PDB file of N, CA and C in Angstrom:
ATOM      1  N   UNK A   1       0.853  -1.179   0.000  1.00  0.00           N
ATOM      2  CA  UNK A   1       0.000   0.000   0.000  1.00  0.00           C
ATOM      3  C   UNK A   1       0.893   1.235   0.000  1.00  0.00           C
ATOM      4  N   UNK A   2       0.453   2.254  -0.710  1.00  0.00           N
ATOM      5  CA  UNK A   2       1.203   3.504  -0.761  1.00  0.00           C
ATOM      6  C   UNK A   2       0.451   4.552   0.032  1.00  0.00           C
ATOM      7  N   UNK A   3       1.112   5.121   1.010  1.00  0.00           N
ATOM      8  CA  UNK A   3       0.506   6.193   1.795  1.00  0.00           C
ATOM      9  C   UNK A   3       1.120   7.517   1.364  1.00  0.00           C
ATOM     10  N   UNK A   4       0.329   8.557   1.460  1.00  0.00           N
ATOM     11  CA  UNK A   4       0.834   9.899   1.218  1.00  0.00           C
ATOM     12  C   UNK A   4       0.412  10.785   2.374  1.00  0.00           C
ATOM     13  N   UNK A   5       1.186  11.793   2.635  1.00  0.00           N
ATOM     14  CA  UNK A   5       0.933  12.788   3.665  1.00  0.00           C
ATOM     15  C   UNK A   5       1.117  12.227   5.076  1.00  0.00           C
ATOM     16  N   UNK A   6       1.650  13.055   5.901  1.00  0.00           N
ATOM     17  CA  UNK A   6       1.957  12.692   7.287  1.00  0.00           C
ATOM     18  C   UNK A   6       0.715  12.239   8.054  1.00  0.00           C
ATOM     19  N   UNK A   7      -0.423  12.887   7.799  1.00  0.00           N
ATOM     20  CA  UNK A   7      -1.665  12.507   8.489  1.00  0.00           C
ATOM     21  C   UNK A   7      -2.023  11.046   8.259  1.00  0.00           C
ATOM     22  N   UNK A   8      -1.847  10.558   7.035  1.00  0.00           N
ATOM     23  CA  UNK A   8      -2.166   9.155   6.746  1.00  0.00           C
ATOM     24  C   UNK A   8      -1.230   8.206   7.474  1.00  0.00           C
ATOM     25  N   UNK A   9       0.037   8.565   7.576  1.00  0.00           N
ATOM     26  CA  UNK A   9       0.974   7.723   8.331  1.00  0.00           C
ATOM     27  C   UNK A   9       0.603   7.709   9.812  1.00  0.00           C
ATOM     28  N   UNK A  10       0.190   8.851  10.334  1.00  0.00           N
ATOM     29  CA  UNK A  10      -0.208   8.922  11.746  1.00  0.00           C
ATOM     30  C   UNK A  10      -1.479   8.118  11.993  1.00  0.00           C
ATOM     31  N   UNK A  11      -2.479   8.241  11.103  1.00  0.00           N
ATOM     32  CA  UNK A  11      -3.719   7.468  11.269  1.00  0.00           C
ATOM     33  C   UNK A  11      -3.463   5.973  11.135  1.00  0.00           C
ATOM     34  N   UNK A  12      -2.599   5.591  10.203  1.00  0.00           N
ATOM     35  CA  UNK A  12      -2.277   4.172  10.030  1.00  0.00           C
ATOM     36  C   UNK A  12      -1.549   3.641  11.263  1.00  0.00           C
ATOM     37  N   UNK A  13      -0.676   4.448  11.838  1.00  0.00           N
ATOM     38  CA  UNK A  13       0.023   4.045  13.064  1.00  0.00           C
ATOM     39  C   UNK A  13      -0.986   3.783  14.175  1.00  0.00           C
ATOM     40  N   UNK A  14      -1.911   4.713  14.368  1.00  0.00           N
ATOM     41  CA  UNK A  14      -2.926   4.560  15.428  1.00  0.00           C
ATOM     42  C   UNK A  14      -3.789   3.333  15.174  1.00  0.00           C
ATOM     43  N   UNK A  15      -4.168   3.105  13.926  1.00  0.00           N
ATOM     44  CA  UNK A  15      -4.995   1.948  13.594  1.00  0.00           C
ATOM     45  C   UNK A  15      -4.262   0.651  13.925  1.00  0.00           C
ATOM     46  N   UNK A  16      -3.002   0.561  13.529  1.00  0.00           N
ATOM     47  CA  UNK A  16      -2.225  -0.656  13.810  1.00  0.00           C
ATOM     48  C   UNK A  16      -2.093  -0.894  15.304  1.00  0.00           C
ATOM     49  N   UNK A  17      -1.801   0.153  16.048  1.00  0.00           N
ATOM     50  CA  UNK A  17      -1.648   0.021  17.500  1.00  0.00           C
ATOM     51  C   UNK A  17      -2.946  -0.437  18.149  1.00  0.00           C
ATOM     52  N   UNK A  18      -4.086   0.008  17.609  1.00  0.00           N
ATOM     53  CA  UNK A  18      -5.383  -0.413  18.146  1.00  0.00           C
ATOM     54  C   UNK A  18      -5.734  -1.844  17.771  1.00  0.00           C
ATOM     55  N   UNK A  19      -5.159  -2.336  16.677  1.00  0.00           N
ATOM     56  CA  UNK A  19      -5.439  -3.709  16.242  1.00  0.00           C
ATOM     57  C   UNK A  19      -4.807  -4.753  17.139  1.00  0.00           C
ATOM     58  N   UNK A  20      -3.576  -4.469  17.565  1.00  0.00           N
ATOM     59  CA  UNK A  20      -2.851  -5.491  18.320  1.00  0.00           C
ATOM     60  C   UNK A  20      -1.703  -4.879  19.100  1.00  0.00           C
ATOM     61  N   UNK A  21      -1.453  -5.393  20.309  1.00  0.00           N
ATOM     62  CA  UNK A  21      -0.296  -4.923  21.067  1.00  0.00           C
ATOM     63  C   UNK A  21       1.025  -5.221  20.353  1.00  0.00           C
ATOM     64  N   UNK A  22       0.994  -6.141  19.392  1.00  0.00           N
ATOM     65  CA  UNK A  22       2.204  -6.456  18.622  1.00  0.00           C
ATOM     66  C   UNK A  22       2.724  -5.240  17.863  1.00  0.00           C
ATOM     67  N   UNK A  23       1.849  -4.271  17.625  1.00  0.00           N
ATOM     68  CA  UNK A  23       2.228  -3.086  16.852  1.00  0.00           C
ATOM     69  C   UNK A  23       2.481  -1.863  17.732  1.00  0.00           C
ATOM     70  N   UNK A  24       2.579  -2.062  19.027  1.00  0.00           N
ATOM     71  CA  UNK A  24       2.752  -0.945  19.962  1.00  0.00           C
ATOM     72  C   UNK A  24       3.986  -0.106  19.645  1.00  0.00           C
ATOM     73  N   UNK A  25       5.050  -0.728  19.162  1.00  0.00           N
ATOM     74  CA  UNK A  25       6.288  -0.007  18.896  1.00  0.00           C
ATOM     75  C   UNK A  25       6.385   0.584  17.500  1.00  0.00           C
ATOM     76  N   UNK A  26       5.347   0.445  16.706  1.00  0.00           N
ATOM     77  CA  UNK A  26       5.382   0.937  15.325  1.00  0.00           C
ATOM     78  C   UNK A  26       5.075   2.426  15.294  1.00  0.00           C
ATOM     79  N   UNK A  27       5.879   3.164  14.553  1.00  0.00           N
ATOM     80  CA  UNK A  27       5.639   4.590  14.318  1.00  0.00           C
ATOM     81  C   UNK A  27       5.930   4.855  12.852  1.00  0.00           C
ATOM     82  N   UNK A  28       4.874   4.874  12.050  1.00  0.00           N
ATOM     83  CA  UNK A  28       5.044   5.056  10.613  1.00  0.00           C
ATOM     84  C   UNK A  28       5.391   6.488  10.234  1.00  0.00           C
ATOM     85  N   UNK A  29       5.143   7.430  11.121  1.00  0.00           N
ATOM     86  CA  UNK A  29       5.554   8.808  10.847  1.00  0.00           C
ATOM     87  C   UNK A  29       7.079   8.899  10.923  1.00  0.00           C
ATOM     88  N   UNK A  30       7.654   8.316  11.963  1.00  0.00           N
ATOM     89  CA  UNK A  30       9.106   8.338  12.130  1.00  0.00           C
ATOM     90  C   UNK A  30       9.806   7.341  11.205  1.00  0.00           C
ATOM     91  N   UNK A  31       9.122   6.248  10.861  1.00  0.00           N
ATOM     92  CA  UNK A  31       9.711   5.192  10.033  1.00  0.00           C
ATOM     93  C   UNK A  31       8.740   4.791   8.918  1.00  0.00           C
ATOM     94  N   UNK A  32       8.522   5.660   7.943  1.00  0.00           N
ATOM     95  CA  UNK A  32       7.524   5.383   6.911  1.00  0.00           C
ATOM     96  C   UNK A  32       7.837   4.148   6.066  1.00  0.00           C
ATOM     97  N   UNK A  33       9.089   3.767   5.994  1.00  0.00           N
ATOM     98  CA  UNK A  33       9.462   2.582   5.209  1.00  0.00           C
ATOM     99  C   UNK A  33       8.858   1.301   5.767  1.00  0.00           C
ATOM    100  N   UNK A  34       8.439   1.311   7.016  1.00  0.00           N
ATOM    101  CA  UNK A  34       7.817   0.125   7.612  1.00  0.00           C
ATOM    102  C   UNK A  34       6.479  -0.194   6.954  1.00  0.00           C
ATOM    103  N   UNK A  35       5.861   0.804   6.328  1.00  0.00           N
ATOM    104  CA  UNK A  35       4.596   0.567   5.624  1.00  0.00           C
ATOM    105  C   UNK A  35       4.802  -0.334   4.412  1.00  0.00           C
ATOM    106  N   UNK A  36       6.041  -0.550   4.009  1.00  0.00           N
ATOM    107  CA  UNK A  36       6.350  -1.438   2.888  1.00  0.00           C
ATOM    108  C   UNK A  36       6.448  -2.903   3.307  1.00  0.00           C
ATOM    109  N   UNK A  37       6.501  -3.164   4.603  1.00  0.00           N
ATOM    110  CA  UNK A  37       6.561  -4.540   5.078  1.00  0.00           C
ATOM    111  C   UNK A  37       5.231  -5.219   4.754  1.00  0.00           C
ATOM    112  N   UNK A  38       5.273  -6.411   4.141  1.00  0.00           N
ATOM    113  CA  UNK A  38       4.035  -7.044   3.670  1.00  0.00           C
ATOM    114  C   UNK A  38       2.927  -7.158   4.719  1.00  0.00           C
ATOM    115  N   UNK A  39       3.240  -7.579   5.920  1.00  0.00           N
ATOM    116  CA  UNK A  39       2.202  -7.745   6.950  1.00  0.00           C
ATOM    117  C   UNK A  39       1.579  -6.401   7.307  1.00  0.00           C
ATOM    118  N   UNK A  40       2.408  -5.395   7.464  1.00  0.00           N
ATOM    119  CA  UNK A  40       1.916  -4.059   7.814  1.00  0.00           C
ATOM    120  C   UNK A  40       1.134  -3.466   6.650  1.00  0.00           C
ATOM    121  N   UNK A  41       1.665  -3.591   5.463  1.00  0.00           N
ATOM    122  CA  UNK A  41       1.017  -3.063   4.271  1.00  0.00           C
ATOM    123  C   UNK A  41      -0.365  -3.684   4.067  1.00  0.00           C
ATOM    124  N   UNK A  42      -0.447  -4.992   4.202  1.00  0.00           N
ATOM    125  CA  UNK A  42      -1.723  -5.684   4.014  1.00  0.00           C
ATOM    126  C   UNK A  42      -2.754  -5.239   5.056  1.00  0.00           C
ATOM    127  N   UNK A  43      -2.331  -5.107   6.293  1.00  0.00           N
ATOM    128  CA  UNK A  43      -3.259  -4.663   7.337  1.00  0.00           C
ATOM    129  C   UNK A  43      -3.747  -3.243   7.080  1.00  0.00           C
ATOM    130  N   UNK A  44      -2.847  -2.361   6.677  1.00  0.00           N
ATOM    131  CA  UNK A  44      -3.244  -0.993   6.369  1.00  0.00           C
ATOM    132  C   UNK A  44      -4.258  -0.991   5.229  1.00  0.00           C
ATOM    133  N   UNK A  45      -3.988  -1.752   4.193  1.00  0.00           N
ATOM    134  CA  UNK A  45      -4.877  -1.801   3.042  1.00  0.00           C
ATOM    135  C   UNK A  45      -6.252  -2.349   3.420  1.00  0.00           C
ATOM    136  N   UNK A  46      -6.282  -3.523   4.046  1.00  0.00           N
ATOM    137  CA  UNK A  46      -7.565  -4.154   4.362  1.00  0.00           C
ATOM    138  C   UNK A  46      -8.338  -3.372   5.417  1.00  0.00           C
ATOM    139  N   UNK A  47      -7.718  -3.092   6.529  1.00  0.00           N
ATOM    140  CA  UNK A  47      -8.416  -2.363   7.596  1.00  0.00           C
ATOM    141  C   UNK A  47      -8.766  -0.953   7.152  1.00  0.00           C
ATOM    142  N   UNK A  48      -7.862  -0.336   6.393  1.00  0.00           N
ATOM    143  CA  UNK A  48      -8.102   1.028   5.927  1.00  0.00           C
ATOM    144  C   UNK A  48      -9.301   1.141   5.019  1.00  0.00           C
ATOM    145  N   UNK A  49      -9.471   0.185   4.109  1.00  0.00           N
ATOM    146  CA  UNK A  49     -10.616   0.247   3.198  1.00  0.00           C
ATOM    147  C   UNK A  49     -11.914  -0.148   3.909  1.00  0.00           C
ATOM    148  N   UNK A  50     -11.821  -1.007   4.897  1.00  0.00           N
ATOM    149  CA  UNK A  50     -13.016  -1.431   5.641  1.00  0.00           C
ATOM    150  C   UNK A  50     -13.493  -0.339   6.592  1.00  0.00           C
ATOM    151  N   UNK A  51     -12.551   0.357   7.236  1.00  0.00           N
ATOM    152  CA  UNK A  51     -12.911   1.336   8.262  1.00  0.00           C
ATOM    153  C   UNK A  51     -12.995   2.774   7.754  1.00  0.00           C
ATOM    154  N   UNK A  52     -12.567   3.033   6.525  1.00  0.00           N
ATOM    155  CA  UNK A  52     -12.599   4.389   5.993  1.00  0.00           C
ATOM    156  C   UNK A  52     -11.413   5.235   6.396  1.00  0.00           C
ATOM    157  N   UNK A  53     -10.297   4.605   6.682  1.00  0.00           N
ATOM    158  CA  UNK A  53      -9.104   5.297   7.165  1.00  0.00           C
ATOM    159  C   UNK A  53      -8.632   6.402   6.229  1.00  0.00           C
ATOM    160  N   UNK A  54      -8.682   6.190   4.944  1.00  0.00           N
ATOM    161  CA  UNK A  54      -8.041   7.087   3.992  1.00  0.00           C
ATOM    162  C   UNK A  54      -8.865   8.340   3.689  1.00  0.00           C
ATOM    163  N   UNK A  55     -10.162   8.192   3.475  1.00  0.00           N
ATOM    164  CA  UNK A  55     -10.988   9.331   3.076  1.00  0.00           C
ATOM    165  C   UNK A  55     -12.263   9.462   3.901  1.00  0.00           C
ATOM    166  N   UNK A  56     -12.478   8.531   4.830  1.00  0.00           N
ATOM    167  CA  UNK A  56     -13.714   8.507   5.590  1.00  0.00           C
ATOM    168  C   UNK A  56     -14.791   7.670   4.921  1.00  0.00           C
ATOM    169  N   UNK A  57     -14.548   7.256   3.696  1.00  0.00           N
ATOM    170  CA  UNK A  57     -15.496   6.405   2.969  1.00  0.00           C
ATOM    171  C   UNK A  57     -15.013   4.965   3.009  1.00  0.00           C
ATOM    172  N   UNK A  58     -15.949   4.035   3.153  1.00  0.00           N
ATOM    173  CA  UNK A  58     -15.636   2.618   3.328  1.00  0.00           C
ATOM    174  C   UNK A  58     -16.062   1.822   2.103  1.00  0.00           C
ATOM    175  N   UNK A  59     -15.432   0.671   1.896  1.00  0.00           N
ATOM    176  CA  UNK A  59     -15.847  -0.200   0.800  1.00  0.00           C
ATOM    177  C   UNK A  59     -17.316  -0.575   0.921  1.00  0.00           C
ATOM    178  N   UNK A  60     -17.766  -0.771   2.140  1.00  0.00           N
ATOM    179  CA  UNK A  60     -19.155  -1.135   2.371  1.00  0.00           C
ATOM    180  C   UNK A  60     -20.143  -0.066   1.938  1.00  0.00           C
ATOM    181  N   UNK A  61     -19.676   1.161   1.728  1.00  0.00           N
ATOM    182  CA  UNK A  61     -20.546   2.216   1.219  1.00  0.00           C
ATOM    183  C   UNK A  61     -20.877   2.003  -0.255  1.00  0.00           C
ATOM    184  N   UNK A  62     -20.054   1.237  -0.950  1.00  0.00           N
ATOM    185  CA  UNK A  62     -20.184   1.070  -2.397  1.00  0.00           C
ATOM    186  C   UNK A  62     -20.407  -0.381  -2.833  1.00  0.00           C
ATOM    187  N   UNK A  63     -20.013  -1.305  -2.008  1.00  0.00           N
ATOM    188  CA  UNK A  63     -20.150  -2.733  -2.324  1.00  0.00           C
ATOM    189  C   UNK A  63     -21.014  -3.359  -1.239  1.00  0.00           C
ATOM    190  N   UNK A  64     -22.331  -3.425  -1.517  1.00  0.00           N
ATOM    191  CA  UNK A  64     -23.289  -3.904  -0.529  1.00  0.00           C
ATOM    192  C   UNK A  64     -23.943  -5.189  -1.004  1.00  0.00           C
ATOM    193  N   UNK A  65     -24.107  -6.156  -0.115  1.00  0.00           N
ATOM    194  CA  UNK A  65     -24.793  -7.397  -0.494  1.00  0.00           C
ATOM    195  C   UNK A  65     -26.198  -7.098  -1.026  1.00  0.00           C
ATOM    196  N   UNK A  66     -26.554  -7.759  -2.107  1.00  0.00           N
ATOM    197  CA  UNK A  66     -27.882  -7.617  -2.673  1.00  0.00           C
ATOM    198  C   UNK A  66     -28.077  -6.391  -3.549  1.00  0.00           C
ATOM    199  N   UNK A  67     -27.027  -5.587  -3.714  1.00  0.00           N
ATOM    200  CA  UNK A  67     -27.111  -4.409  -4.565  1.00  0.00           C
ATOM    201  C   UNK A  67     -26.011  -4.464  -5.615  1.00  0.00           C
ATOM    202  N   UNK A  68     -26.231  -3.854  -6.762  1.00  0.00           N
ATOM    203  CA  UNK A  68     -25.166  -3.846  -7.775  1.00  0.00           C
ATOM    204  C   UNK A  68     -23.932  -3.123  -7.239  1.00  0.00           C
ATOM    205  N   UNK A  69     -22.753  -3.652  -7.493  1.00  0.00           N
ATOM    206  CA  UNK A  69     -21.541  -2.994  -7.003  1.00  0.00           C
ATOM    207  C   UNK A  69     -21.298  -1.665  -7.722  1.00  0.00           C
ATOM    208  N   UNK A  70     -20.843  -0.688  -6.986  1.00  0.00           N
ATOM    209  CA  UNK A  70     -20.495   0.617  -7.547  1.00  0.00           C
ATOM    210  C   UNK A  70     -18.973   0.747  -7.525  1.00  0.00           C
ATOM    211  N   UNK A  71     -18.328   0.125  -8.494  1.00  0.00           N
ATOM    212  CA  UNK A  71     -16.869   0.123  -8.533  1.00  0.00           C
ATOM    213  C   UNK A  71     -16.306   1.521  -8.785  1.00  0.00           C
ATOM    214  N   UNK A  72     -16.996   2.308  -9.583  1.00  0.00           N
ATOM    215  CA  UNK A  72     -16.516   3.669  -9.847  1.00  0.00           C
ATOM    216  C   UNK A  72     -16.586   4.502  -8.566  1.00  0.00           C
ATOM    217  N   UNK A  73     -17.684   4.432  -7.861  1.00  0.00           N
ATOM    218  CA  UNK A  73     -17.818   5.156  -6.601  1.00  0.00           C
ATOM    219  C   UNK A  73     -16.824   4.686  -5.557  1.00  0.00           C
ATOM    220  N   UNK A  74     -16.502   3.401  -5.587  1.00  0.00           N
ATOM    221  CA  UNK A  74     -15.577   2.833  -4.604  1.00  0.00           C
ATOM    222  C   UNK A  74     -14.189   3.452  -4.685  1.00  0.00           C
ATOM    223  N   UNK A  75     -13.902   4.120  -5.790  1.00  0.00           N
ATOM    224  CA  UNK A  75     -12.610   4.817  -5.921  1.00  0.00           C
ATOM    225  C   UNK A  75     -12.435   5.854  -4.819  1.00  0.00           C
ATOM    226  N   UNK A  76     -13.557   6.393  -4.323  1.00  0.00           N
ATOM    227  CA  UNK A  76     -13.502   7.379  -3.245  1.00  0.00           C
ATOM    228  C   UNK A  76     -12.902   6.809  -1.962  1.00  0.00           C
ATOM    229  N   UNK A  77     -12.889   5.505  -1.813  1.00  0.00           N
ATOM    230  CA  UNK A  77     -12.379   4.880  -0.586  1.00  0.00           C
ATOM    231  C   UNK A  77     -10.901   5.196  -0.390  1.00  0.00           C
ATOM    232  N   UNK A  78     -10.158   5.263  -1.477  1.00  0.00           N
ATOM    233  CA  UNK A  78      -8.710   5.500  -1.360  1.00  0.00           C
ATOM    234  C   UNK A  78      -8.248   6.815  -1.959  1.00  0.00           C
ATOM    235  N   UNK A  79      -9.068   7.435  -2.798  1.00  0.00           N
ATOM    236  CA  UNK A  79      -8.617   8.635  -3.486  1.00  0.00           C
ATOM    237  C   UNK A  79      -9.825   9.318  -4.117  1.00  0.00           C
ATOM    238  N   UNK A  80      -9.566  10.327  -4.876  1.00  0.00           N
ATOM    239  CA  UNK A  80     -10.630  11.005  -5.599  1.00  0.00           C
ATOM    240  C   UNK A  80     -11.073  10.193  -6.800  1.00  0.00           C
ATOM    241  N   UNK A  81     -11.697  10.842  -7.735  1.00  0.00           N
ATOM    242  CA  UNK A  81     -12.256  10.148  -8.885  1.00  0.00           C
ATOM    243  C   UNK A  81     -11.336  10.147 -10.105  1.00  0.00           C
ATOM    244  N   UNK A  82     -10.063  10.470  -9.916  1.00  0.00           N
ATOM    245  CA  UNK A  82      -9.148  10.427 -11.050  1.00  0.00           C
ATOM    246  C   UNK A  82      -9.090   9.013 -11.619  1.00  0.00           C
ATOM    247  N   UNK A  83      -9.333   8.894 -12.884  1.00  0.00           N
ATOM    248  CA  UNK A  83      -9.314   7.600 -13.596  1.00  0.00           C
ATOM    249  C   UNK A  83     -10.285   6.583 -13.016  1.00  0.00           C
ATOM    250  N   UNK A  84     -11.348   7.032 -12.352  1.00  0.00           N
ATOM    251  CA  UNK A  84     -12.279   6.110 -11.691  1.00  0.00           C
ATOM    252  C   UNK A  84     -12.931   5.147 -12.674  1.00  0.00           C
ATOM    253  N   UNK A  85     -13.342   5.632 -13.828  1.00  0.00           N
ATOM    254  CA  UNK A  85     -13.993   4.751 -14.801  1.00  0.00           C
ATOM    255  C   UNK A  85     -13.022   3.693 -15.309  1.00  0.00           C
ATOM    256  N   UNK A  86     -11.785   4.086 -15.575  1.00  0.00           N
ATOM    257  CA  UNK A  86     -10.778   3.131 -16.040  1.00  0.00           C
ATOM    258  C   UNK A  86     -10.497   2.091 -14.964  1.00  0.00           C
ATOM    259  N   UNK A  87     -10.309   2.534 -13.742  1.00  0.00           N
ATOM    260  CA  UNK A  87     -10.013   1.616 -12.644  1.00  0.00           C
ATOM    261  C   UNK A  87     -11.207   0.688 -12.404  1.00  0.00           C
ATOM    262  N   UNK A  88     -12.427   1.215 -12.490  1.00  0.00           N
ATOM    263  CA  UNK A  88     -13.629   0.396 -12.313  1.00  0.00           C
ATOM    264  C   UNK A  88     -13.706  -0.700 -13.379  1.00  0.00           C
ATOM    265  N   UNK A  89     -13.212  -0.398 -14.574  1.00  0.00           N
ATOM    266  CA  UNK A  89     -13.279  -1.385 -15.651  1.00  0.00           C
ATOM    267  C   UNK A  89     -12.355  -2.576 -15.400  1.00  0.00           C
ATOM    268  N   UNK A  90     -11.336  -2.362 -14.588  1.00  0.00           N
ATOM    269  CA  UNK A  90     -10.420  -3.471 -14.272  1.00  0.00           C
ATOM    270  C   UNK A  90     -11.111  -4.476 -13.388  1.00  0.00           C
TER     271      UNK A  90
END
């Protein structure tokens, strides 16, 4: 997962620390390269999209059981709508 801006590193740090005491010593603001570690990266990606860490919008806002998926809208979960139609087509 690629994070941008100090706020995202701080929020990801807090999220990881809340997930497990195993992450108590993690500080992604001071050590942003740790976000490249597969276990940390995967947790940030999965928990971040489920909880709305990145933009306040969650995957569940766009992908709901029993309703057609809104893949274009789901782009808001991680970023704005740049290339949303292209990404939705993937």
